[in-house]
């Protein structure tokens, strides 16, 4: 079962392109996380919050990453972190156009294309 993990936390910046440059190595590390299908990076400069939405292939992978990332954020001095895990309703998600992204959860990270087949 696919698991979505949502992280949100107060963040002082950097933002935008500066965040991209500063987090390039972190993004590469996250991309190699076992069981990760994808991550969407979130930033809200107006409220001073950042976070991410992650899709994992199963609950075990999501749980391992959650613990790892909570420690990593604490080591970075970030506090007020909230992390929530959700089961993904694949059938409804496909109806609302998430099918291509959800299907990639079972595909190889090196695959360049994947067909959309609802589970």
Protein backbone atom coordinates (compact mmCIF):
# COMPACT_ATOMS: atom_id res chain seq x y z
CA UNK A 1 0.00 0.00 0.00
CA UNK A 2 1.30 3.43 -0.93
CA UNK A 3 1.94 5.85 1.92
CA UNK A 4 2.10 9.64 1.63
CA UNK A 5 4.21 11.42 4.22
CA UNK A 6 3.74 15.14 4.84
CA UNK A 7 6.40 17.19 6.64
CA UNK A 8 5.86 20.84 7.63
CA UNK A 9 8.07 23.07 9.77
CA UNK A 10 9.02 26.69 10.45
CA UNK A 11 11.87 27.62 8.14
CA UNK A 12 14.00 30.79 8.06
CA UNK A 13 15.15 30.31 4.46
CA UNK A 14 16.86 30.35 2.06
CA UNK A 15 14.04 30.27 -0.51
CA UNK A 16 13.62 29.63 -4.22
CA UNK A 17 16.80 29.36 -6.23
CA UNK A 18 18.98 29.82 -3.15
CA UNK A 19 17.25 26.86 -1.49
CA UNK A 20 17.75 24.82 -4.65
CA UNK A 21 21.47 25.53 -4.65
CA UNK A 22 21.85 24.96 -0.89
CA UNK A 23 19.86 21.70 -0.91
CA UNK A 24 21.20 20.03 -4.04
CA UNK A 25 23.17 17.36 -2.15
CA UNK A 26 20.28 16.77 0.24
CA UNK A 27 17.93 16.28 -2.71
CA UNK A 28 20.28 13.70 -4.23
CA UNK A 29 20.40 11.84 -0.91
CA UNK A 30 16.60 11.87 -0.61
CA UNK A 31 16.24 10.65 -4.21
CA UNK A 32 18.21 7.53 -3.29
CA UNK A 33 16.02 6.70 -0.28
CA UNK A 34 14.83 3.07 -0.44
CA UNK A 35 11.10 2.87 -1.13
CA UNK A 36 10.70 6.53 -2.14
CA UNK A 37 8.66 7.07 -5.31
CA UNK A 38 8.88 10.88 -5.31
CA UNK A 39 9.04 14.03 -3.22
CA UNK A 40 7.47 17.45 -3.79
CA UNK A 41 9.36 20.27 -2.06
CA UNK A 42 7.16 22.89 -0.39
CA UNK A 43 8.01 26.44 0.65
CA UNK A 44 5.89 29.33 1.88
CA UNK A 45 8.01 32.41 2.34
CA UNK A 46 5.04 34.46 3.60
CA UNK A 47 4.40 32.21 6.62
CA UNK A 48 8.02 31.11 7.01
CA UNK A 49 7.30 27.41 6.54
CA UNK A 50 8.75 24.68 4.40
CA UNK A 51 8.19 20.97 4.04
CA UNK A 52 7.60 18.19 1.63
CA UNK A 53 5.12 15.64 0.41
CA UNK A 54 6.65 12.21 -0.12
CA UNK A 55 5.20 9.08 -1.67
CA UNK A 56 6.56 5.77 -0.40
CA UNK A 57 5.97 2.27 -1.70
CA UNK A 58 4.96 0.97 1.74
CA UNK A 59 4.52 1.87 5.40
CA UNK A 60 7.87 0.42 6.46
CA UNK A 61 9.82 2.65 4.04
CA UNK A 62 7.79 5.71 5.11
CA UNK A 63 8.38 4.96 8.80
CA UNK A 64 12.15 4.51 8.32
CA UNK A 65 12.40 7.76 6.40
CA UNK A 66 10.23 9.68 8.86
CA UNK A 67 12.55 8.79 11.72
CA UNK A 68 15.66 9.57 9.67
CA UNK A 69 14.34 12.92 8.45
CA UNK A 70 13.07 14.01 11.88
CA UNK A 71 16.61 13.48 13.21
CA UNK A 72 18.14 15.27 10.22
CA UNK A 73 15.88 18.30 10.68
CA UNK A 74 16.67 18.41 14.40
CA UNK A 75 20.39 18.29 13.59
CA UNK A 76 19.81 21.28 11.29
CA UNK A 77 18.32 23.16 14.25
CA UNK A 78 14.79 23.10 12.88
CA UNK A 79 12.05 22.75 15.48
CA UNK A 80 8.27 22.64 15.39
CA UNK A 81 8.33 19.84 12.83
CA UNK A 82 5.08 18.05 12.13
CA UNK A 83 5.04 14.81 10.18
CA UNK A 84 1.91 12.92 9.21
CA UNK A 85 1.54 9.65 7.32
CA UNK A 86 -1.49 8.83 5.20
CA UNK A 87 -2.62 5.75 3.29
CA UNK A 88 -3.16 6.61 -0.36
CA UNK A 89 -6.54 5.85 -1.91
CA UNK A 90 -5.15 4.92 -5.30
CA UNK A 91 -8.48 4.55 -7.08
CA UNK A 92 -9.70 8.03 -6.17
CA UNK A 93 -6.28 9.51 -6.79
CA UNK A 94 -6.24 8.12 -10.33
CA UNK A 95 -9.63 9.75 -10.94
CA UNK A 96 -8.17 13.10 -9.90
CA UNK A 97 -5.21 12.80 -12.29
CA UNK A 98 -2.56 11.48 -9.90
CA UNK A 99 -2.35 8.21 -11.84
CA UNK A 100 0.94 8.86 -13.63
CA UNK A 101 2.69 9.90 -10.43
CA UNK A 102 1.22 7.04 -8.39
CA UNK A 103 2.17 4.45 -10.97
CA UNK A 104 5.80 5.53 -10.75
CA UNK A 105 5.83 4.29 -7.15
CA UNK A 106 6.22 0.78 -8.49
CA UNK A 107 8.55 1.70 -11.33
CA UNK A 108 12.32 1.81 -11.27
CA UNK A 109 13.77 5.21 -10.46
CA UNK A 110 15.81 4.93 -13.62
CA UNK A 111 12.82 4.12 -15.84
CA UNK A 112 11.97 6.96 -18.17
CA UNK A 113 8.34 5.99 -18.83
CA UNK A 114 5.61 4.00 -17.16
CA UNK A 115 2.07 3.11 -18.13
CA UNK A 116 -0.81 4.17 -15.94
CA UNK A 117 -2.67 1.22 -14.47
CA UNK A 118 -4.95 1.83 -11.50
CA UNK A 119 -4.48 -0.61 -8.64
